[in-house]
Amino acid sequence: MRDTTAKKIFMVAVLAAAAGLAGTVQALDVNLTEDLAYVEVEHDGKNVRVQRIQDQDNVLKDGFVKTSRQCPPFCIQPMTVAPGVTTIGEAEVFRFMDRELESGKGMIIDARTPSWYNKGTIPGSVNIPFTVFEKDADDPELVKTLERLGGKRRGDVNDMVRNVESFLARLDMFDAGSKTADWDFSNARELVLWCNGPWCGQSPHAIRALLAHGYPAKKIRYYRGGMQMWKVLGLTVVVPGSAEQAVVMK
């Protein structure tokens, strides 16, 4: 009798645990893509799940519902921001998060000014305002930033080294596009830069400034949709806070 009672209690516990487990892995109604429900990224040392708002009646209620802003400066940006720079959409951002960002080989840059960043950012992004990239070549903040991206200062490069590099480049044995007189970007990170959306020029300014400093175009991606499309699609937004960070889903 006692054995039967014990078995019943055990079975009830197993079923309850199974029900709880099923609840944690329940499929979402609104996925990121056909084959991807969500992506997890690290943001300021915390894991954040990037997914879409599940309320299918949800609508935007903030400034991103506006259709028109004064131009300039809020002018519609071209699809191709610069030769050699790839323009990407949300699905490519998810893939970048899962691969380059996760492995540490990539960085997602919120190129907006701090006032915009503080209202909410894409998880996994770091805020480097476009104005930093537009600083003079010897500016300490710019130098520190390029080093943060994986660039290395070359120092004095003598004529013999330059001639050898030029010769090897003609033989396709040297990647001339990754080195300048001042910087070596051979091991620099893959980048995704974004700002407020197709009407925002902050990330395009940052990209063009990076190229002017010698950063290889092939290592730069431009997420043109930016915060505008990110919010339209109901994707997770992180609002920088004090000790805690609020994750906003609308």
C-alpha atoms as a PDB file:
ATOM      1  CA  MET A   1       0.000   0.000   0.000  1.00  0.00           C
ATOM      2  CA  ARG A   2       2.809   2.333   0.995  1.00  0.00           C
ATOM      3  CA  ASP A   3       4.738   1.406  -2.173  1.00  0.00           C
ATOM      4  CA  THR A   4       1.706   2.251  -4.326  1.00  0.00           C
ATOM      5  CA  THR A   5       1.257   5.613  -2.623  1.00  0.00           C
ATOM      6  CA  ALA A   6       4.948   6.406  -3.024  1.00  0.00           C
ATOM      7  CA  LYS A   7       4.785   5.532  -6.717  1.00  0.00           C
ATOM      8  CA  LYS A   8       1.777   7.819  -7.203  1.00  0.00           C
ATOM      9  CA  ILE A   9       3.546  10.708  -5.480  1.00  0.00           C
ATOM     10  CA  PHE A  10       6.638  10.103  -7.625  1.00  0.00           C
ATOM     11  CA  MET A  11       4.583  10.046 -10.839  1.00  0.00           C
ATOM     12  CA  VAL A  12       2.778  13.267  -9.877  1.00  0.00           C
ATOM     13  CA  ALA A  13       6.147  14.943  -9.256  1.00  0.00           C
ATOM     14  CA  VAL A  14       7.506  13.719 -12.596  1.00  0.00           C
ATOM     15  CA  LEU A  15       4.433  14.953 -14.473  1.00  0.00           C
ATOM     16  CA  ALA A  16       4.576  18.328 -12.725  1.00  0.00           C
ATOM     17  CA  ALA A  17       8.248  18.700 -13.596  1.00  0.00           C
ATOM     18  CA  ALA A  18       7.543  17.724 -17.190  1.00  0.00           C
ATOM     19  CA  ALA A  19       4.742  20.262 -17.404  1.00  0.00           C
ATOM     20  CA  GLY A  20       7.034  22.965 -16.061  1.00  0.00           C
ATOM     21  CA  LEU A  21       9.755  22.008 -18.534  1.00  0.00           C
ATOM     22  CA  ALA A  22       7.274  22.070 -21.397  1.00  0.00           C
ATOM     23  CA  GLY A  23       6.325  25.586 -20.388  1.00  0.00           C
ATOM     24  CA  THR A  24       9.933  26.745 -20.648  1.00  0.00           C
ATOM     25  CA  VAL A  25      10.400  25.408 -24.157  1.00  0.00           C
ATOM     26  CA  GLN A  26       6.996  26.369 -25.488  1.00  0.00           C
ATOM     27  CA  ALA A  27       7.218  27.525 -29.079  1.00  0.00           C
ATOM     28  CA  LEU A  28       6.777  31.210 -29.837  1.00  0.00           C
ATOM     29  CA  ASP A  29       3.956  32.398 -32.052  1.00  0.00           C
ATOM     30  CA  VAL A  30       6.081  35.181 -33.565  1.00  0.00           C
ATOM     31  CA  ASN A  31       9.590  34.034 -34.510  1.00  0.00           C
ATOM     32  CA  LEU A  32      12.530  35.977 -35.876  1.00  0.00           C
ATOM     33  CA  THR A  33      12.654  33.969 -39.080  1.00  0.00           C
ATOM     34  CA  GLU A  34      11.084  30.753 -40.295  1.00  0.00           C
ATOM     35  CA  ASP A  35      13.887  28.726 -38.733  1.00  0.00           C
ATOM     36  CA  LEU A  36      14.909  30.919 -35.796  1.00  0.00           C
ATOM     37  CA  ALA A  37      12.809  31.735 -32.731  1.00  0.00           C
ATOM     38  CA  TYR A  38      15.285  33.954 -30.886  1.00  0.00           C
ATOM     39  CA  VAL A  39      18.953  34.795 -30.427  1.00  0.00           C
ATOM     40  CA  GLU A  40      20.758  35.258 -27.133  1.00  0.00           C
ATOM     41  CA  VAL A  41      23.500  37.877 -26.864  1.00  0.00           C
ATOM     42  CA  GLU A  42      25.627  39.261 -24.067  1.00  0.00           C
ATOM     43  CA  HIS A  43      25.008  42.901 -23.209  1.00  0.00           C
ATOM     44  CA  ASP A  44      27.105  44.529 -20.476  1.00  0.00           C
ATOM     45  CA  GLY A  45      27.814  41.138 -18.939  1.00  0.00           C
ATOM     46  CA  LYS A  46      24.216  39.922 -18.984  1.00  0.00           C
ATOM     47  CA  ASN A  47      22.491  37.513 -21.341  1.00  0.00           C
ATOM     48  CA  VAL A  48      19.654  39.106 -23.284  1.00  0.00           C
ATOM     49  CA  ARG A  49      17.218  37.226 -25.484  1.00  0.00           C
ATOM     50  CA  VAL A  50      16.504  38.956 -28.789  1.00  0.00           C
ATOM     51  CA  GLN A  51      12.996  38.063 -29.910  1.00  0.00           C
ATOM     52  CA  ARG A  52       9.864  39.709 -31.234  1.00  0.00           C
ATOM     53  CA  ILE A  53       6.905  40.985 -29.255  1.00  0.00           C
ATOM     54  CA  GLN A  54       4.366  38.178 -29.061  1.00  0.00           C
ATOM     55  CA  ASP A  55       1.308  40.454 -28.874  1.00  0.00           C
ATOM     56  CA  GLN A  56       0.179  40.547 -32.502  1.00  0.00           C
ATOM     57  CA  ASP A  57      -1.965  43.630 -31.819  1.00  0.00           C
ATOM     58  CA  ASN A  58       0.983  45.642 -30.500  1.00  0.00           C
ATOM     59  CA  VAL A  59       1.699  49.003 -32.152  1.00  0.00           C
ATOM     60  CA  LEU A  60       4.426  51.594 -31.644  1.00  0.00           C
ATOM     61  CA  LYS A  61       3.634  54.539 -29.424  1.00  0.00           C
ATOM     62  CA  ASP A  62       6.898  56.493 -29.364  1.00  0.00           C
ATOM     63  CA  GLY A  63       8.696  58.845 -31.734  1.00  0.00           C
ATOM     64  CA  PHE A  64       9.360  56.084 -34.239  1.00  0.00           C
ATOM     65  CA  VAL A  65       5.752  56.253 -35.436  1.00  0.00           C
ATOM     66  CA  LYS A  66       6.564  59.552 -37.181  1.00  0.00           C
ATOM     67  CA  THR A  67       6.672  59.502 -40.963  1.00  0.00           C
ATOM     68  CA  SER A  68       8.472  62.812 -41.498  1.00  0.00           C
ATOM     69  CA  ARG A  69      11.416  64.707 -40.066  1.00  0.00           C
ATOM     70  CA  GLN A  70      13.177  67.812 -41.292  1.00  0.00           C
ATOM     71  CA  CYS A  71      15.720  67.089 -44.026  1.00  0.00           C
ATOM     72  CA  PRO A  72      18.494  68.009 -43.649  1.00  0.00           C
ATOM     73  CA  PRO A  73      19.652  66.559 -41.338  1.00  0.00           C
ATOM     74  CA  PHE A  74      17.144  63.665 -41.251  1.00  0.00           C
ATOM     75  CA  CYS A  75      17.380  62.692 -44.920  1.00  0.00           C
ATOM     76  CA  ILE A  76      16.725  59.286 -46.515  1.00  0.00           C
ATOM     77  CA  GLN A  77      19.982  57.395 -46.937  1.00  0.00           C
ATOM     78  CA  PRO A  78      21.030  55.434 -50.046  1.00  0.00           C
ATOM     79  CA  MET A  79      20.992  51.650 -49.984  1.00  0.00           C
ATOM     80  CA  THR A  80      24.764  51.566 -50.608  1.00  0.00           C
ATOM     81  CA  VAL A  81      26.526  53.835 -48.168  1.00  0.00           C
ATOM     82  CA  ALA A  82      30.020  53.373 -49.673  1.00  0.00           C
ATOM     83  CA  PRO A  83      31.741  51.118 -52.230  1.00  0.00           C
ATOM     84  CA  GLY A  84      32.633  47.722 -50.760  1.00  0.00           C
ATOM     85  CA  VAL A  85      30.450  48.121 -47.663  1.00  0.00           C
ATOM     86  CA  THR A  86      27.641  45.536 -47.477  1.00  0.00           C
ATOM     87  CA  THR A  87      24.155  46.695 -46.527  1.00  0.00           C
ATOM     88  CA  ILE A  88      22.306  44.121 -44.426  1.00  0.00           C
ATOM     89  CA  GLY A  89      18.859  43.469 -42.966  1.00  0.00           C
ATOM     90  CA  GLU A  90      17.610  42.060 -39.694  1.00  0.00           C
ATOM     91  CA  ALA A  91      18.162  38.375 -40.566  1.00  0.00           C
ATOM     92  CA  GLU A  92      21.814  39.119 -41.291  1.00  0.00           C
ATOM     93  CA  VAL A  93      22.108  40.967 -37.968  1.00  0.00           C
ATOM     94  CA  PHE A  94      20.779  37.865 -36.165  1.00  0.00           C
ATOM     95  CA  ARG A  95      23.347  35.723 -37.966  1.00  0.00           C
ATOM     96  CA  PHE A  96      26.098  38.194 -37.079  1.00  0.00           C
ATOM     97  CA  MET A  97      25.029  38.077 -33.424  1.00  0.00           C
ATOM     98  CA  ASP A  98      25.111  34.299 -33.417  1.00  0.00           C
ATOM     99  CA  ARG A  99      28.474  33.993 -35.157  1.00  0.00           C
ATOM    100  CA  GLU A 100      30.830  36.986 -35.231  1.00  0.00           C
ATOM    101  CA  LEU A 101      29.540  38.607 -32.038  1.00  0.00           C
ATOM    102  CA  GLU A 102      29.421  35.354 -30.090  1.00  0.00           C
ATOM    103  CA  SER A 103      32.956  34.406 -31.141  1.00  0.00           C
ATOM    104  CA  GLY A 104      34.363  37.841 -30.336  1.00  0.00           C
ATOM    105  CA  LYS A 105      35.396  38.413 -33.945  1.00  0.00           C
ATOM    106  CA  GLY A 106      32.737  41.051 -34.504  1.00  0.00           C
ATOM    107  CA  MET A 107      31.261  44.158 -32.934  1.00  0.00           C
ATOM    108  CA  ILE A 108      27.896  45.864 -33.323  1.00  0.00           C
ATOM    109  CA  ILE A 109      28.214  49.636 -33.064  1.00  0.00           C
ATOM    110  CA  ASP A 110      25.412  51.999 -32.146  1.00  0.00           C
ATOM    111  CA  ALA A 111      26.813  55.077 -33.911  1.00  0.00           C
ATOM    112  CA  ARG A 112      24.228  57.475 -32.484  1.00  0.00           C
ATOM    113  CA  THR A 113      24.874  60.269 -30.020  1.00  0.00           C
ATOM    114  CA  PRO A 114      24.488  59.325 -26.316  1.00  0.00           C
ATOM    115  CA  SER A 115      21.100  61.039 -25.986  1.00  0.00           C
ATOM    116  CA  TRP A 116      19.640  58.611 -28.551  1.00  0.00           C
ATOM    117  CA  TYR A 117      21.526  55.626 -27.127  1.00  0.00           C
ATOM    118  CA  ASN A 118      20.172  56.245 -23.627  1.00  0.00           C
ATOM    119  CA  LYS A 119      16.608  55.872 -24.911  1.00  0.00           C
ATOM    120  CA  GLY A 120      17.287  52.278 -25.968  1.00  0.00           C
ATOM    121  CA  THR A 121      19.728  50.238 -28.019  1.00  0.00           C
ATOM    122  CA  ILE A 122      19.964  46.930 -29.868  1.00  0.00           C
ATOM    123  CA  PRO A 123      21.215  44.184 -27.504  1.00  0.00           C
ATOM    124  CA  GLY A 124      24.900  43.466 -27.888  1.00  0.00           C
ATOM    125  CA  SER A 125      25.667  46.931 -29.243  1.00  0.00           C
ATOM    126  CA  VAL A 126      28.350  49.286 -27.958  1.00  0.00           C
ATOM    127  CA  ASN A 127      27.817  53.019 -28.235  1.00  0.00           C
ATOM    128  CA  ILE A 128      30.553  54.768 -30.207  1.00  0.00           C
ATOM    129  CA  PRO A 129      29.105  58.060 -31.514  1.00  0.00           C
ATOM    130  CA  PHE A 130      29.829  58.881 -35.143  1.00  0.00           C
ATOM    131  CA  THR A 131      31.585  62.068 -33.993  1.00  0.00           C
ATOM    132  CA  VAL A 132      34.405  59.960 -32.537  1.00  0.00           C
ATOM    133  CA  PHE A 133      35.252  58.501 -35.942  1.00  0.00           C
ATOM    134  CA  GLU A 134      35.327  61.979 -37.471  1.00  0.00           C
ATOM    135  CA  LYS A 135      38.107  63.176 -35.176  1.00  0.00           C
ATOM    136  CA  ASP A 136      41.606  63.949 -36.432  1.00  0.00           C
ATOM    137  CA  ALA A 137      43.907  61.003 -37.065  1.00  0.00           C
ATOM    138  CA  ASP A 138      46.071  61.696 -33.998  1.00  0.00           C
ATOM    139  CA  ASP A 139      43.212  62.405 -31.610  1.00  0.00           C
ATOM    140  CA  PRO A 140      43.678  60.178 -28.507  1.00  0.00           C
ATOM    141  CA  GLU A 141      40.000  59.167 -28.405  1.00  0.00           C
ATOM    142  CA  LEU A 142      40.044  58.090 -32.041  1.00  0.00           C
ATOM    143  CA  VAL A 143      43.314  56.191 -31.586  1.00  0.00           C
ATOM    144  CA  LYS A 144      41.907  54.371 -28.551  1.00  0.00           C
ATOM    145  CA  THR A 145      38.728  53.547 -30.474  1.00  0.00           C
ATOM    146  CA  LEU A 146      40.533  52.126 -33.514  1.00  0.00           C
ATOM    147  CA  GLU A 147      42.656  50.000 -31.184  1.00  0.00           C
ATOM    148  CA  ARG A 148      39.454  48.807 -29.509  1.00  0.00           C
ATOM    149  CA  LEU A 149      38.259  47.665 -32.931  1.00  0.00           C
ATOM    150  CA  GLY A 150      41.409  45.603 -33.379  1.00  0.00           C
ATOM    151  CA  GLY A 151      43.591  48.055 -35.291  1.00  0.00           C
ATOM    152  CA  LYS A 152      47.303  48.338 -34.536  1.00  0.00           C
ATOM    153  CA  ARG A 153      49.421  51.433 -35.012  1.00  0.00           C
ATOM    154  CA  ARG A 154      52.338  50.796 -37.324  1.00  0.00           C
ATOM    155  CA  GLY A 155      54.654  53.546 -36.204  1.00  0.00           C
ATOM    156  CA  ASP A 156      57.369  54.579 -38.637  1.00  0.00           C
ATOM    157  CA  VAL A 157      57.348  52.421 -41.757  1.00  0.00           C
ATOM    158  CA  ASN A 158      60.507  52.865 -43.833  1.00  0.00           C
ATOM    159  CA  ASP A 159      60.623  53.043 -47.611  1.00  0.00           C
ATOM    160  CA  MET A 160      62.027  49.519 -47.943  1.00  0.00           C
ATOM    161  CA  VAL A 161      59.023  48.019 -46.143  1.00  0.00           C
ATOM    162  CA  ARG A 162      56.639  50.082 -48.242  1.00  0.00           C
ATOM    163  CA  ASN A 163      58.313  48.954 -51.463  1.00  0.00           C
ATOM    164  CA  VAL A 164      58.161  45.288 -50.412  1.00  0.00           C
ATOM    165  CA  GLU A 165      54.492  45.610 -49.513  1.00  0.00           C
ATOM    166  CA  SER A 166      53.742  47.297 -52.816  1.00  0.00           C
ATOM    167  CA  PHE A 167      55.548  44.543 -54.731  1.00  0.00           C
ATOM    168  CA  LEU A 168      53.742  41.761 -52.852  1.00  0.00           C
ATOM    169  CA  ALA A 169      50.399  43.505 -53.369  1.00  0.00           C
ATOM    170  CA  ARG A 170      50.937  43.425 -57.143  1.00  0.00           C
ATOM    171  CA  LEU A 171      51.500  39.677 -56.849  1.00  0.00           C
ATOM    172  CA  ASP A 172      48.329  39.287 -54.732  1.00  0.00           C
ATOM    173  CA  MET A 173      50.523  38.104 -51.867  1.00  0.00           C
ATOM    174  CA  PHE A 174      49.785  41.057 -49.598  1.00  0.00           C
ATOM    175  CA  ASP A 175      46.475  42.553 -48.509  1.00  0.00           C
ATOM    176  CA  ALA A 176      47.158  46.212 -49.155  1.00  0.00           C
ATOM    177  CA  GLY A 177      43.568  47.047 -48.253  1.00  0.00           C
ATOM    178  CA  SER A 178      44.169  46.173 -44.601  1.00  0.00           C
ATOM    179  CA  LYS A 179      47.181  48.396 -43.993  1.00  0.00           C
ATOM    180  CA  THR A 180      47.877  52.097 -44.233  1.00  0.00           C
ATOM    181  CA  ALA A 181      50.955  54.117 -43.429  1.00  0.00           C
ATOM    182  CA  ASP A 182      49.671  54.475 -39.856  1.00  0.00           C
ATOM    183  CA  TRP A 183      47.446  51.461 -39.177  1.00  0.00           C
ATOM    184  CA  ASP A 184      47.357  47.696 -39.579  1.00  0.00           C
ATOM    185  CA  PHE A 185      43.755  46.460 -39.731  1.00  0.00           C
ATOM    186  CA  SER A 186      44.637  42.893 -40.741  1.00  0.00           C
ATOM    187  CA  ASN A 187      43.184  41.482 -37.503  1.00  0.00           C
ATOM    188  CA  ALA A 188      40.539  44.138 -36.961  1.00  0.00           C
ATOM    189  CA  ARG A 189      37.008  43.095 -36.090  1.00  0.00           C
ATOM    190  CA  GLU A 190      34.086  42.641 -38.421  1.00  0.00           C
ATOM    191  CA  LEU A 191      31.667  45.512 -37.795  1.00  0.00           C
ATOM    192  CA  VAL A 192      27.957  46.225 -38.034  1.00  0.00           C
ATOM    193  CA  LEU A 193      27.108  49.917 -37.742  1.00  0.00           C
ATOM    194  CA  TRP A 194      23.608  51.291 -37.349  1.00  0.00           C
ATOM    195  CA  CYS A 195      21.698  54.353 -36.176  1.00  0.00           C
ATOM    196  CA  ASN A 196      18.025  55.399 -36.211  1.00  0.00           C
ATOM    197  CA  GLY A 197      17.032  54.017 -39.588  1.00  0.00           C
ATOM    198  CA  PRO A 198      16.840  54.874 -43.279  1.00  0.00           C
ATOM    199  CA  TRP A 199      16.385  58.574 -42.410  1.00  0.00           C
ATOM    200  CA  CYS A 200      19.468  58.737 -40.162  1.00  0.00           C
ATOM    201  CA  GLY A 201      22.907  59.816 -41.362  1.00  0.00           C
ATOM    202  CA  GLN A 202      24.890  59.102 -38.208  1.00  0.00           C
ATOM    203  CA  SER A 203      26.098  55.578 -39.057  1.00  0.00           C
ATOM    204  CA  PRO A 204      26.795  56.511 -42.711  1.00  0.00           C
ATOM    205  CA  HIS A 205      28.986  59.363 -41.413  1.00  0.00           C
ATOM    206  CA  ALA A 206      30.762  56.917 -39.098  1.00  0.00           C
ATOM    207  CA  ILE A 207      31.327  54.407 -41.902  1.00  0.00           C
ATOM    208  CA  ARG A 208      32.760  56.977 -44.296  1.00  0.00           C
ATOM    209  CA  ALA A 209      35.051  58.285 -41.554  1.00  0.00           C
ATOM    210  CA  LEU A 210      36.267  54.742 -40.797  1.00  0.00           C
ATOM    211  CA  LEU A 211      37.038  54.222 -44.469  1.00  0.00           C
ATOM    212  CA  ALA A 212      38.937  57.520 -44.555  1.00  0.00           C
ATOM    213  CA  HIS A 213      41.114  56.236 -41.703  1.00  0.00           C
ATOM    214  CA  GLY A 214      41.853  53.089 -43.725  1.00  0.00           C
ATOM    215  CA  TYR A 215      39.454  50.583 -42.159  1.00  0.00           C
ATOM    216  CA  PRO A 216      38.766  47.885 -44.779  1.00  0.00           C
ATOM    217  CA  ALA A 217      35.352  48.198 -46.422  1.00  0.00           C
ATOM    218  CA  LYS A 218      35.023  44.410 -46.562  1.00  0.00           C
ATOM    219  CA  LYS A 219      34.978  44.325 -42.750  1.00  0.00           C
ATOM    220  CA  ILE A 220      32.087  46.792 -42.446  1.00  0.00           C
ATOM    221  CA  ARG A 221      28.356  46.106 -42.662  1.00  0.00           C
ATOM    222  CA  TYR A 222      25.662  48.771 -42.679  1.00  0.00           C
ATOM    223  CA  TYR A 223      22.360  47.932 -40.996  1.00  0.00           C
ATOM    224  CA  ARG A 224      20.282  50.568 -42.768  1.00  0.00           C
ATOM    225  CA  GLY A 225      17.005  49.678 -41.032  1.00  0.00           C
ATOM    226  CA  GLY A 226      18.416  50.725 -37.665  1.00  0.00           C
ATOM    227  CA  MET A 227      16.222  51.406 -34.664  1.00  0.00           C
ATOM    228  CA  GLN A 228      13.261  52.363 -36.855  1.00  0.00           C
ATOM    229  CA  MET A 229      12.878  48.914 -38.425  1.00  0.00           C
ATOM    230  CA  TRP A 230      14.085  47.145 -35.275  1.00  0.00           C
ATOM    231  CA  LYS A 231      11.147  48.602 -33.363  1.00  0.00           C
ATOM    232  CA  VAL A 232       8.662  48.212 -36.231  1.00  0.00           C
ATOM    233  CA  LEU A 233       9.419  44.474 -36.153  1.00  0.00           C
ATOM    234  CA  GLY A 234       8.895  44.321 -32.398  1.00  0.00           C
ATOM    235  CA  LEU A 235      12.440  43.289 -31.537  1.00  0.00           C
ATOM    236  CA  THR A 236      14.018  43.467 -28.090  1.00  0.00           C
ATOM    237  CA  VAL A 237      15.449  46.829 -27.056  1.00  0.00           C
ATOM    238  CA  VAL A 238      17.726  47.380 -24.050  1.00  0.00           C
ATOM    239  CA  VAL A 239      17.435  50.674 -22.179  1.00  0.00           C
ATOM    240  CA  PRO A 240      20.687  51.592 -20.420  1.00  0.00           C
ATOM    241  CA  GLY A 241      20.047  52.184 -16.737  1.00  0.00           C
ATOM    242  CA  SER A 242      21.924  52.476 -13.482  1.00  0.00           C
ATOM    243  CA  ALA A 243      22.641  49.178 -11.762  1.00  0.00           C
ATOM    244  CA  GLU A 244      19.982  47.329 -13.713  1.00  0.00           C
ATOM    245  CA  GLN A 245      19.121  47.445 -17.385  1.00  0.00           C
ATOM    246  CA  ALA A 246      15.519  47.397 -18.482  1.00  0.00           C
ATOM    247  CA  VAL A 247      14.631  45.200 -21.428  1.00  0.00           C
ATOM    248  CA  VAL A 248      11.799  46.812 -23.361  1.00  0.00           C
ATOM    249  CA  MET A 249       9.681  44.777 -25.754  1.00  0.00           C
ATOM    250  CA  LYS A 250       7.642  47.642 -27.215  1.00  0.00           C
END
